[in-house]
Amino acid sequence: MIDRRLRVLAAIARHGTVTAAAEVCRLTPSAVSHQMQALARELDVALLEPVGRGVRLTPAARTLLEHGETLTAQWEQARADLAAHRAGAVGGTLRFAAFSSAAAVVVPRALEHLRDEHPQLRVHLRESEPARSFDLLAADEADVAVVVATPSIPPTSDTAFDQHALYDEPLDILVGPEHPLVGRRRVALSDLAGDAWICGNPGRAYHQLVTLACAAAGFAPDIAHLADEWDTGAALVARGFGVALVPRLADLPAHHDTRRIPITTDPVPTRRVVAAVRAGSRDQPTIAAGLDALRHVTETGLPALGR
């Protein structure tokens, strides 16, 4: 119902280049350029202007985008209001996007709860990085995103999305069996300032978490190895090639001999996990059921967080 070119314009605003917007919108860069040129002609205003290798939105484009976000939110709310006129159980399809740990631990439990409470509802899970999950929401390819709050995701002030805090998850230290910290009762993150570190690749949420946590503890980590999979990271830690931070809910491979040590001295690094939906959509029955299921799991089914 809403002009799809507004979604393309929003993608350009989020990513700063036509090429990046084309990738997330599953279009070619030439198609994105053509759509923006056609929209600019129809409205008789300039929408984009070049800046270095990227582009930026003109003031007219910003105004158009604000109206577009309002229209999209109103359409989502209209879908919620229309659902009140339908009889019967909650049905249809509900699509989740979630980062790796939540996709392995939290969301499957929420899907199980939904299966029990709403057997006519079809559910779908896609594992994705947090920033990509917001692209999926904006493109209407996901309905609920479970993400880590990092600088790479839209701020809570972004009116295109509604974000709801789910839980705060401590990060533990992961070391090899012979590490000097094994057996100590009081451990601070700064105790590892002189160690080599194993971290995720730059640009990914885990890399941001580690570097920000270490900065809060007063040091920059000496990153020796980059690994996005827990199996790889645990294998390197077990063999003495470095240390790592690991989220409390992460399930590590048992065949690697590592030690998980809680940090007992402030600052204790944590990550905030939130559920995000398109603005105006949270009252739609399927999405409301999905958010309720996530809250049910995080409030009753995550004893490792000390609830």
C-alpha atoms as a PDB file:
ATOM      1  CA  MET A   1       0.000   0.000   0.000  1.00  0.00           C
ATOM      2  CA  ILE A   2       2.923   2.363   0.673  1.00  0.00           C
ATOM      3  CA  ASP A   3       5.139   3.373  -2.253  1.00  0.00           C
ATOM      4  CA  ARG A   4       8.045   0.910  -2.100  1.00  0.00           C
ATOM      5  CA  ARG A   5      10.433   3.630  -3.203  1.00  0.00           C
ATOM      6  CA  LEU A   6      10.081   5.154   0.261  1.00  0.00           C
ATOM      7  CA  ARG A   7      11.634   1.983   1.689  1.00  0.00           C
ATOM      8  CA  VAL A   8      14.510   2.343  -0.754  1.00  0.00           C
ATOM      9  CA  LEU A   9      14.983   5.963   0.291  1.00  0.00           C
ATOM     10  CA  ALA A  10      15.004   4.888   3.945  1.00  0.00           C
ATOM     11  CA  ALA A  11      17.665   2.264   3.166  1.00  0.00           C
ATOM     12  CA  ILE A  12      19.833   4.930   1.545  1.00  0.00           C
ATOM     13  CA  ALA A  13      19.420   7.087   4.644  1.00  0.00           C
ATOM     14  CA  ARG A  14      20.489   4.213   6.919  1.00  0.00           C
ATOM     15  CA  HIS A  15      23.453   2.993   4.862  1.00  0.00           C
ATOM     16  CA  GLY A  16      24.710   6.120   3.123  1.00  0.00           C
ATOM     17  CA  THR A  17      25.337   4.634  -0.320  1.00  0.00           C
ATOM     18  CA  VAL A  18      23.217   3.557  -3.245  1.00  0.00           C
ATOM     19  CA  THR A  19      25.191   0.308  -3.485  1.00  0.00           C
ATOM     20  CA  ALA A  20      24.516  -0.684   0.140  1.00  0.00           C
ATOM     21  CA  ALA A  21      20.851   0.260  -0.158  1.00  0.00           C
ATOM     22  CA  ALA A  22      20.580  -1.816  -3.329  1.00  0.00           C
ATOM     23  CA  GLU A  23      22.022  -4.841  -1.557  1.00  0.00           C
ATOM     24  CA  VAL A  24      19.587  -4.746   1.361  1.00  0.00           C
ATOM     25  CA  CYS A  25      16.635  -4.016  -0.952  1.00  0.00           C
ATOM     26  CA  ARG A  26      17.650  -6.797  -3.355  1.00  0.00           C
ATOM     27  CA  LEU A  27      17.952  -4.418  -6.266  1.00  0.00           C
ATOM     28  CA  THR A  28      20.769  -3.366  -8.554  1.00  0.00           C
ATOM     29  CA  PRO A  29      22.419   0.010  -7.917  1.00  0.00           C
ATOM     30  CA  SER A  30      21.151   1.208 -11.294  1.00  0.00           C
ATOM     31  CA  ALA A  31      17.594   0.224 -10.323  1.00  0.00           C
ATOM     32  CA  VAL A  32      17.893   2.169  -7.062  1.00  0.00           C
ATOM     33  CA  SER A  33      19.229   5.214  -8.900  1.00  0.00           C
ATOM     34  CA  HIS A  34      16.453   4.972 -11.464  1.00  0.00           C
ATOM     35  CA  GLN A  35      13.773   4.731  -8.763  1.00  0.00           C
ATOM     36  CA  MET A  36      15.134   7.743  -6.892  1.00  0.00           C
ATOM     37  CA  GLN A  37      15.392   9.788 -10.086  1.00  0.00           C
ATOM     38  CA  ALA A  38      11.820   8.898 -11.037  1.00  0.00           C
ATOM     39  CA  LEU A  39      10.540   9.748  -7.550  1.00  0.00           C
ATOM     40  CA  ALA A  40      12.405  13.070  -7.606  1.00  0.00           C
ATOM     41  CA  ARG A  41      10.835  13.938 -10.980  1.00  0.00           C
ATOM     42  CA  GLU A  42       7.357  13.059  -9.772  1.00  0.00           C
ATOM     43  CA  LEU A  43       7.733  15.220  -6.673  1.00  0.00           C
ATOM     44  CA  ASP A  44       9.734  17.943  -8.439  1.00  0.00           C
ATOM     45  CA  VAL A  45      12.385  18.082  -5.718  1.00  0.00           C
ATOM     46  CA  ALA A  46      15.975  16.917  -5.417  1.00  0.00           C
ATOM     47  CA  LEU A  47      16.281  13.915  -3.105  1.00  0.00           C
ATOM     48  CA  LEU A  48      19.968  12.949  -3.141  1.00  0.00           C
ATOM     49  CA  GLU A  49      23.255  14.765  -3.421  1.00  0.00           C
ATOM     50  CA  PRO A  50      26.721  13.203  -3.739  1.00  0.00           C
ATOM     51  CA  VAL A  51      29.121  13.332  -0.790  1.00  0.00           C
ATOM     52  CA  GLY A  52      32.494  11.685  -1.438  1.00  0.00           C
ATOM     53  CA  ARG A  53      31.788   8.081  -2.404  1.00  0.00           C
ATOM     54  CA  GLY A  54      28.331   8.148  -0.904  1.00  0.00           C
ATOM     55  CA  VAL A  55      25.208  10.250  -1.025  1.00  0.00           C
ATOM     56  CA  ARG A  56      23.162  12.142   1.491  1.00  0.00           C
ATOM     57  CA  LEU A  57      19.527  13.054   1.643  1.00  0.00           C
ATOM     58  CA  THR A  58      18.512  16.609   0.837  1.00  0.00           C
ATOM     59  CA  PRO A  59      16.261  18.503   3.275  1.00  0.00           C
ATOM     60  CA  ALA A  60      13.343  17.687   0.947  1.00  0.00           C
ATOM     61  CA  ALA A  61      14.184  13.988   1.147  1.00  0.00           C
ATOM     62  CA  ARG A  62      14.320  14.158   4.951  1.00  0.00           C
ATOM     63  CA  THR A  63      10.872  15.722   4.982  1.00  0.00           C
ATOM     64  CA  LEU A  64       9.567  13.030   2.625  1.00  0.00           C
ATOM     65  CA  LEU A  65      11.108  10.302   4.767  1.00  0.00           C
ATOM     66  CA  GLU A  66       9.451  11.652   7.916  1.00  0.00           C
ATOM     67  CA  HIS A  67       6.074  11.513   6.179  1.00  0.00           C
ATOM     68  CA  GLY A  68       6.884   8.068   4.826  1.00  0.00           C
ATOM     69  CA  GLU A  69       7.652   6.748   8.313  1.00  0.00           C
ATOM     70  CA  THR A  70       4.378   8.201   9.577  1.00  0.00           C
ATOM     71  CA  LEU A  71       2.423   6.607   6.737  1.00  0.00           C
ATOM     72  CA  THR A  72       4.107   3.241   7.271  1.00  0.00           C
ATOM     73  CA  ALA A  73       3.400   3.291  11.007  1.00  0.00           C
ATOM     74  CA  GLN A  74      -0.229   4.234  10.361  1.00  0.00           C
ATOM     75  CA  TRP A  75      -0.565   1.377   7.862  1.00  0.00           C
ATOM     76  CA  GLU A  76       0.857  -1.084  10.387  1.00  0.00           C
ATOM     77  CA  GLN A  77      -1.583   0.216  12.994  1.00  0.00           C
ATOM     78  CA  ALA A  78      -4.428  -0.090  10.501  1.00  0.00           C
ATOM     79  CA  ARG A  79      -3.549  -3.745  10.011  1.00  0.00           C
ATOM     80  CA  ALA A  80      -3.729  -4.193  13.780  1.00  0.00           C
ATOM     81  CA  ASP A  81      -7.112  -2.463  13.984  1.00  0.00           C
ATOM     82  CA  LEU A  82      -8.528  -4.520  11.121  1.00  0.00           C
ATOM     83  CA  ALA A  83      -7.457  -7.732  12.861  1.00  0.00           C
ATOM     84  CA  ALA A  84     -10.010  -6.950  15.593  1.00  0.00           C
ATOM     85  CA  HIS A  85     -12.747  -7.553  13.018  1.00  0.00           C
ATOM     86  CA  ARG A  86     -11.564 -11.091  12.281  1.00  0.00           C
ATOM     87  CA  ALA A  87     -12.918 -14.000  14.240  1.00  0.00           C
ATOM     88  CA  GLY A  88     -10.965 -17.058  15.258  1.00  0.00           C
ATOM     89  CA  ALA A  89      -7.616 -17.955  16.711  1.00  0.00           C
ATOM     90  CA  VAL A  90      -4.339 -16.206  15.995  1.00  0.00           C
ATOM     91  CA  GLY A  91      -3.070 -17.544  12.683  1.00  0.00           C
ATOM     92  CA  GLY A  92      -0.973 -16.624   9.691  1.00  0.00           C
ATOM     93  CA  THR A  93       2.818 -16.413   9.626  1.00  0.00           C
ATOM     94  CA  LEU A  94       5.173 -14.770  12.098  1.00  0.00           C
ATOM     95  CA  ARG A  95       8.771 -14.208  10.994  1.00  0.00           C
ATOM     96  CA  PHE A  96      11.628 -13.799  13.487  1.00  0.00           C
ATOM     97  CA  ALA A  97      15.160 -12.565  12.854  1.00  0.00           C
ATOM     98  CA  ALA A  98      17.715 -13.085  15.619  1.00  0.00           C
ATOM     99  CA  PHE A  99      21.442 -13.015  16.276  1.00  0.00           C
ATOM    100  CA  SER A 100      23.232 -16.308  16.857  1.00  0.00           C
ATOM    101  CA  SER A 101      22.946 -16.818  20.639  1.00  0.00           C
ATOM    102  CA  ALA A 102      19.315 -15.725  20.795  1.00  0.00           C
ATOM    103  CA  ALA A 103      18.538 -17.822  17.729  1.00  0.00           C
ATOM    104  CA  ALA A 104      19.993 -20.853  19.505  1.00  0.00           C
ATOM    105  CA  VAL A 105      18.669 -20.335  23.040  1.00  0.00           C
ATOM    106  CA  VAL A 106      15.840 -17.815  23.357  1.00  0.00           C
ATOM    107  CA  VAL A 107      13.815 -17.773  20.155  1.00  0.00           C
ATOM    108  CA  PRO A 108      13.374 -21.575  19.837  1.00  0.00           C
ATOM    109  CA  ARG A 109      11.778 -21.572  23.297  1.00  0.00           C
ATOM    110  CA  ALA A 110       9.518 -18.722  22.217  1.00  0.00           C
ATOM    111  CA  LEU A 111       8.562 -20.685  19.087  1.00  0.00           C
ATOM    112  CA  GLU A 112       7.740 -23.681  21.279  1.00  0.00           C
ATOM    113  CA  HIS A 113       5.539 -21.490  23.470  1.00  0.00           C
ATOM    114  CA  LEU A 114       3.773 -20.121  20.387  1.00  0.00           C
ATOM    115  CA  ARG A 115       3.214 -23.642  19.069  1.00  0.00           C
ATOM    116  CA  ASP A 116       1.504 -24.559  22.333  1.00  0.00           C
ATOM    117  CA  GLU A 117      -0.533 -21.359  22.688  1.00  0.00           C
ATOM    118  CA  HIS A 118      -1.352 -20.673  19.030  1.00  0.00           C
ATOM    119  CA  PRO A 119      -1.239 -23.936  17.055  1.00  0.00           C
ATOM    120  CA  GLN A 120      -2.610 -22.268  13.913  1.00  0.00           C
ATOM    121  CA  LEU A 121       0.263 -19.815  13.781  1.00  0.00           C
ATOM    122  CA  ARG A 122       3.154 -20.615  11.430  1.00  0.00           C
ATOM    123  CA  VAL A 123       6.548 -19.413  12.634  1.00  0.00           C
ATOM    124  CA  HIS A 124       9.808 -18.823  10.783  1.00  0.00           C
ATOM    125  CA  LEU A 125      13.273 -18.019  12.168  1.00  0.00           C
ATOM    126  CA  ARG A 126      16.172 -16.455  10.289  1.00  0.00           C
ATOM    127  CA  GLU A 127      19.573 -16.025  11.939  1.00  0.00           C
ATOM    128  CA  SER A 128      21.088 -12.646  11.141  1.00  0.00           C
ATOM    129  CA  GLU A 129      23.337  -9.937  12.515  1.00  0.00           C
ATOM    130  CA  PRO A 130      21.520  -7.152  14.413  1.00  0.00           C
ATOM    131  CA  ALA A 131      21.986  -4.424  11.795  1.00  0.00           C
ATOM    132  CA  ARG A 132      20.798  -6.778   9.053  1.00  0.00           C
ATOM    133  CA  SER A 133      17.741  -7.678  11.145  1.00  0.00           C
ATOM    134  CA  PHE A 134      16.603  -4.054  11.018  1.00  0.00           C
ATOM    135  CA  ASP A 135      16.965  -4.125   7.239  1.00  0.00           C
ATOM    136  CA  LEU A 136      14.732  -7.203   7.209  1.00  0.00           C
ATOM    137  CA  LEU A 137      12.151  -5.424   9.364  1.00  0.00           C
ATOM    138  CA  ALA A 138      12.177  -2.357   7.139  1.00  0.00           C
ATOM    139  CA  ALA A 139      11.815  -4.494   4.000  1.00  0.00           C
ATOM    140  CA  ASP A 140       8.874  -6.406   5.557  1.00  0.00           C
ATOM    141  CA  GLU A 141      10.874  -9.636   5.409  1.00  0.00           C
ATOM    142  CA  ALA A 142      10.764 -10.100   9.192  1.00  0.00           C
ATOM    143  CA  ASP A 143       8.189  -9.136  11.812  1.00  0.00           C
ATOM    144  CA  VAL A 144      10.147  -9.399  15.086  1.00  0.00           C
ATOM    145  CA  ALA A 145      13.898  -8.920  15.432  1.00  0.00           C
ATOM    146  CA  VAL A 146      15.849 -10.016  18.504  1.00  0.00           C
ATOM    147  CA  VAL A 147      19.044  -7.994  18.535  1.00  0.00           C
ATOM    148  CA  VAL A 148      21.942  -6.862  20.691  1.00  0.00           C
ATOM    149  CA  ALA A 149      21.912  -3.143  21.383  1.00  0.00           C
ATOM    150  CA  THR A 150      25.130  -1.853  19.808  1.00  0.00           C
ATOM    151  CA  PRO A 151      26.074   1.379  18.007  1.00  0.00           C
ATOM    152  CA  SER A 152      25.400  -0.351  14.664  1.00  0.00           C
ATOM    153  CA  ILE A 153      21.621  -0.569  15.146  1.00  0.00           C
ATOM    154  CA  PRO A 154      19.149   2.323  14.882  1.00  0.00           C
ATOM    155  CA  PRO A 155      18.786   4.332  18.103  1.00  0.00           C
ATOM    156  CA  THR A 156      15.648   3.980  20.195  1.00  0.00           C
ATOM    157  CA  SER A 157      14.677   7.434  18.958  1.00  0.00           C
ATOM    158  CA  ASP A 158      14.332   6.114  15.388  1.00  0.00           C
ATOM    159  CA  THR A 159      10.610   6.474  14.695  1.00  0.00           C
ATOM    160  CA  ALA A 160      10.617   3.706  12.091  1.00  0.00           C
ATOM    161  CA  PHE A 161      10.895   1.024  14.790  1.00  0.00           C
ATOM    162  CA  ASP A 162       9.631   0.145  18.256  1.00  0.00           C
ATOM    163  CA  GLN A 163      12.252  -1.426  20.512  1.00  0.00           C
ATOM    164  CA  HIS A 164      11.477  -3.350  23.703  1.00  0.00           C
ATOM    165  CA  ALA A 165      14.158  -4.406  26.220  1.00  0.00           C
ATOM    166  CA  LEU A 166      14.152  -8.167  26.853  1.00  0.00           C
ATOM    167  CA  TYR A 167      17.101  -8.889  29.157  1.00  0.00           C
ATOM    168  CA  ASP A 168      20.605  -7.866  30.153  1.00  0.00           C
ATOM    169  CA  GLU A 169      23.168 -10.634  29.731  1.00  0.00           C
ATOM    170  CA  PRO A 170      26.535 -10.669  31.549  1.00  0.00           C
ATOM    171  CA  LEU A 171      29.681 -11.453  29.602  1.00  0.00           C
ATOM    172  CA  ASP A 172      32.093 -13.954  31.144  1.00  0.00           C
ATOM    173  CA  ILE A 173      35.808 -14.423  30.597  1.00  0.00           C
ATOM    174  CA  LEU A 174      36.851 -17.500  28.621  1.00  0.00           C
ATOM    175  CA  VAL A 175      40.373 -18.790  29.255  1.00  0.00           C
ATOM    176  CA  GLY A 176      42.388 -21.961  28.808  1.00  0.00           C
ATOM    177  CA  PRO A 177      42.797 -24.525  31.613  1.00  0.00           C
ATOM    178  CA  GLU A 178      46.278 -23.285  32.569  1.00  0.00           C
ATOM    179  CA  HIS A 179      45.475 -19.569  32.681  1.00  0.00           C
ATOM    180  CA  PRO A 180      46.542 -17.782  35.911  1.00  0.00           C
ATOM    181  CA  LEU A 181      42.984 -16.568  36.563  1.00  0.00           C
ATOM    182  CA  VAL A 182      41.628 -20.105  36.952  1.00  0.00           C
ATOM    183  CA  GLY A 183      40.639 -20.601  40.583  1.00  0.00           C
ATOM    184  CA  ARG A 184      40.690 -16.939  41.601  1.00  0.00           C
ATOM    185  CA  ARG A 185      37.641 -15.659  43.468  1.00  0.00           C
ATOM    186  CA  ARG A 186      37.832 -12.008  42.434  1.00  0.00           C
ATOM    187  CA  VAL A 187      38.323 -11.346  38.757  1.00  0.00           C
ATOM    188  CA  ALA A 188      38.251  -8.035  36.884  1.00  0.00           C
ATOM    189  CA  LEU A 189      38.214  -7.577  33.147  1.00  0.00           C
ATOM    190  CA  SER A 190      41.285  -5.368  33.491  1.00  0.00           C
ATOM    191  CA  ASP A 191      43.191  -8.446  34.740  1.00  0.00           C
ATOM    192  CA  LEU A 192      43.324  -9.474  31.071  1.00  0.00           C
ATOM    193  CA  ALA A 193      44.728  -6.203  29.743  1.00  0.00           C
ATOM    194  CA  GLY A 194      48.053  -7.861  28.939  1.00  0.00           C
ATOM    195  CA  ASP A 195      46.602 -10.971  27.260  1.00  0.00           C
ATOM    196  CA  ALA A 196      46.174 -11.682  23.575  1.00  0.00           C
ATOM    197  CA  TRP A 197      42.495 -11.603  22.585  1.00  0.00           C
ATOM    198  CA  ILE A 198      40.236 -13.542  20.266  1.00  0.00           C
ATOM    199  CA  CYS A 199      37.420 -11.448  18.889  1.00  0.00           C
ATOM    200  CA  GLY A 200      34.840 -11.348  16.131  1.00  0.00           C
ATOM    201  CA  ASN A 201      35.507  -9.660  12.820  1.00  0.00           C
ATOM    202  CA  PRO A 202      35.285  -5.848  12.710  1.00  0.00           C
ATOM    203  CA  GLY A 203      31.803  -4.562  11.988  1.00  0.00           C
ATOM    204  CA  ARG A 204      30.041  -7.434  13.719  1.00  0.00           C
ATOM    205  CA  ALA A 205      28.147  -7.021  16.990  1.00  0.00           C
ATOM    206  CA  TYR A 206      30.516  -9.239  18.997  1.00  0.00           C
ATOM    207  CA  HIS A 207      33.550  -7.195  17.961  1.00  0.00           C
ATOM    208  CA  GLN A 208      31.817  -4.027  19.120  1.00  0.00           C
ATOM    209  CA  LEU A 209      30.861  -5.611  22.444  1.00  0.00           C
ATOM    210  CA  VAL A 210      34.410  -6.719  23.211  1.00  0.00           C
ATOM    211  CA  THR A 211      36.110  -3.461  22.272  1.00  0.00           C
ATOM    212  CA  LEU A 212      33.554  -1.349  24.154  1.00  0.00           C
ATOM    213  CA  ALA A 213      33.769  -3.561  27.268  1.00  0.00           C
ATOM    214  CA  CYS A 214      37.550  -3.409  27.302  1.00  0.00           C
ATOM    215  CA  ALA A 215      37.500   0.361  26.793  1.00  0.00           C
ATOM    216  CA  ALA A 216      35.174   0.685  29.808  1.00  0.00           C
ATOM    217  CA  ALA A 217      37.709  -1.356  31.805  1.00  0.00           C
ATOM    218  CA  GLY A 218      40.498   1.010  30.786  1.00  0.00           C
ATOM    219  CA  PHE A 219      42.383  -0.783  28.015  1.00  0.00           C
ATOM    220  CA  ALA A 220      42.322  -1.628  24.332  1.00  0.00           C
ATOM    221  CA  PRO A 221      42.464  -5.376  23.674  1.00  0.00           C
ATOM    222  CA  ASP A 222      45.432  -6.793  21.785  1.00  0.00           C
ATOM    223  CA  ILE A 223      43.384  -8.731  19.215  1.00  0.00           C
ATOM    224  CA  ALA A 224      45.478 -11.648  17.958  1.00  0.00           C
ATOM    225  CA  HIS A 225      42.799 -13.680  16.169  1.00  0.00           C
ATOM    226  CA  LEU A 226      39.415 -12.995  14.571  1.00  0.00           C
ATOM    227  CA  ALA A 227      36.720 -15.663  14.855  1.00  0.00           C
ATOM    228  CA  ASP A 228      32.954 -15.347  14.458  1.00  0.00           C
ATOM    229  CA  GLU A 229      32.078 -18.939  15.390  1.00  0.00           C
ATOM    230  CA  TRP A 230      32.205 -20.054  19.021  1.00  0.00           C
ATOM    231  CA  ASP A 231      33.761 -23.358  17.956  1.00  0.00           C
ATOM    232  CA  THR A 232      36.727 -21.541  16.408  1.00  0.00           C
ATOM    233  CA  GLY A 233      37.143 -19.120  19.280  1.00  0.00           C
ATOM    234  CA  ALA A 234      36.925 -21.843  21.938  1.00  0.00           C
ATOM    235  CA  ALA A 235      39.478 -23.963  20.073  1.00  0.00           C
ATOM    236  CA  LEU A 236      41.972 -21.090  20.074  1.00  0.00           C
ATOM    237  CA  VAL A 237      41.348 -20.284  23.750  1.00  0.00           C
ATOM    238  CA  ALA A 238      41.728 -23.928  24.772  1.00  0.00           C
ATOM    239  CA  ARG A 239      45.149 -24.087  23.132  1.00  0.00           C
ATOM    240  CA  GLY A 240      46.445 -20.925  24.776  1.00  0.00           C
ATOM    241  CA  PHE A 241      46.274 -18.545  21.814  1.00  0.00           C
ATOM    242  CA  GLY A 242      44.307 -15.915  23.695  1.00  0.00           C
ATOM    243  CA  VAL A 243      41.318 -15.110  25.872  1.00  0.00           C
ATOM    244  CA  ALA A 244      37.803 -14.075  24.971  1.00  0.00           C
ATOM    245  CA  LEU A 245      34.573 -12.664  26.324  1.00  0.00           C
ATOM    246  CA  VAL A 246      31.608 -14.982  26.053  1.00  0.00           C
ATOM    247  CA  PRO A 247      27.925 -14.178  26.693  1.00  0.00           C
ATOM    248  CA  ARG A 248      26.398 -16.021  29.642  1.00  0.00           C
ATOM    249  CA  LEU A 249      23.837 -17.828  27.440  1.00  0.00           C
ATOM    250  CA  ALA A 250      26.297 -18.876  24.724  1.00  0.00           C
ATOM    251  CA  ASP A 251      26.570 -22.662  24.464  1.00  0.00           C
ATOM    252  CA  LEU A 252      30.241 -23.508  23.975  1.00  0.00           C
ATOM    253  CA  PRO A 253      31.463 -26.755  22.391  1.00  0.00           C
ATOM    254  CA  ALA A 254      32.226 -29.230  25.185  1.00  0.00           C
ATOM    255  CA  HIS A 255      35.115 -30.851  23.307  1.00  0.00           C
ATOM    256  CA  HIS A 256      37.309 -27.766  23.833  1.00  0.00           C
ATOM    257  CA  ASP A 257      38.977 -27.562  27.267  1.00  0.00           C
ATOM    258  CA  THR A 258      38.132 -24.023  28.366  1.00  0.00           C
ATOM    259  CA  ARG A 259      37.160 -22.310  31.618  1.00  0.00           C
ATOM    260  CA  ARG A 260      34.321 -19.791  31.827  1.00  0.00           C
ATOM    261  CA  ILE A 261      34.972 -17.287  34.642  1.00  0.00           C
ATOM    262  CA  PRO A 262      32.354 -14.736  35.812  1.00  0.00           C
ATOM    263  CA  ILE A 263      33.667 -11.208  36.293  1.00  0.00           C
ATOM    264  CA  THR A 264      33.154 -10.217  39.934  1.00  0.00           C
ATOM    265  CA  THR A 265      34.667  -6.725  39.982  1.00  0.00           C
ATOM    266  CA  ASP A 266      33.112  -3.632  38.414  1.00  0.00           C
ATOM    267  CA  PRO A 267      32.734  -2.803  35.637  1.00  0.00           C
ATOM    268  CA  VAL A 268      30.968  -6.067  34.800  1.00  0.00           C
ATOM    269  CA  PRO A 269      30.381  -6.091  31.034  1.00  0.00           C
ATOM    270  CA  THR A 270      26.847  -6.858  29.913  1.00  0.00           C
ATOM    271  CA  ARG A 271      24.928  -6.722  26.694  1.00  0.00           C
ATOM    272  CA  ARG A 272      21.337  -5.569  26.365  1.00  0.00           C
ATOM    273  CA  VAL A 273      19.084  -7.679  24.181  1.00  0.00           C
ATOM    274  CA  VAL A 274      15.991  -6.063  22.706  1.00  0.00           C
ATOM    275  CA  ALA A 275      13.074  -7.048  20.524  1.00  0.00           C
ATOM    276  CA  ALA A 276      12.321  -4.680  17.659  1.00  0.00           C
ATOM    277  CA  VAL A 277       9.285  -4.397  15.406  1.00  0.00           C
ATOM    278  CA  ARG A 278       8.131  -1.943  12.771  1.00  0.00           C
ATOM    279  CA  ALA A 279       6.542   1.143  14.293  1.00  0.00           C
ATOM    280  CA  GLY A 280       2.778   0.679  14.633  1.00  0.00           C
ATOM    281  CA  SER A 281       2.880  -3.106  14.247  1.00  0.00           C
ATOM    282  CA  ARG A 282       3.155  -4.275  17.851  1.00  0.00           C
ATOM    283  CA  ASP A 283      -0.642  -4.569  18.307  1.00  0.00           C
ATOM    284  CA  GLN A 284      -1.092  -6.911  15.351  1.00  0.00           C
ATOM    285  CA  PRO A 285      -2.196 -10.248  16.847  1.00  0.00           C
ATOM    286  CA  THR A 286       0.650 -12.325  15.449  1.00  0.00           C
ATOM    287  CA  ILE A 287       3.339  -9.814  16.423  1.00  0.00           C
ATOM    288  CA  ALA A 288       1.793  -9.216  19.849  1.00  0.00           C
ATOM    289  CA  ALA A 289       1.814 -12.989  20.394  1.00  0.00           C
ATOM    290  CA  GLY A 290       5.477 -13.147  19.378  1.00  0.00           C
ATOM    291  CA  LEU A 291       6.461 -10.366  21.780  1.00  0.00           C
ATOM    292  CA  ASP A 292       4.469 -12.015  24.573  1.00  0.00           C
ATOM    293  CA  ALA A 293       6.246 -15.325  23.908  1.00  0.00           C
ATOM    294  CA  LEU A 294       9.655 -13.662  24.081  1.00  0.00           C
ATOM    295  CA  ARG A 295       8.761 -11.946  27.342  1.00  0.00           C
ATOM    296  CA  HIS A 296       7.486 -15.236  28.751  1.00  0.00           C
ATOM    297  CA  VAL A 297      10.772 -16.977  27.944  1.00  0.00           C
ATOM    298  CA  THR A 298      13.016 -14.203  29.236  1.00  0.00           C
ATOM    299  CA  GLU A 299      11.036 -13.829  32.466  1.00  0.00           C
ATOM    300  CA  THR A 300      10.687 -17.532  33.290  1.00  0.00           C
ATOM    301  CA  GLY A 301      13.109 -19.608  31.225  1.00  0.00           C
ATOM    302  CA  LEU A 302      16.572 -18.088  31.548  1.00  0.00           C
ATOM    303  CA  PRO A 303      17.886 -19.133  34.990  1.00  0.00           C
ATOM    304  CA  ALA A 304      21.486 -18.610  33.848  1.00  0.00           C
ATOM    305  CA  LEU A 305      20.846 -14.855  34.061  1.00  0.00           C
ATOM    306  CA  GLY A 306      20.114 -15.184  37.769  1.00  0.00           C
ATOM    307  CA  ARG A 307      16.386 -14.569  37.514  1.00  0.00           C
END
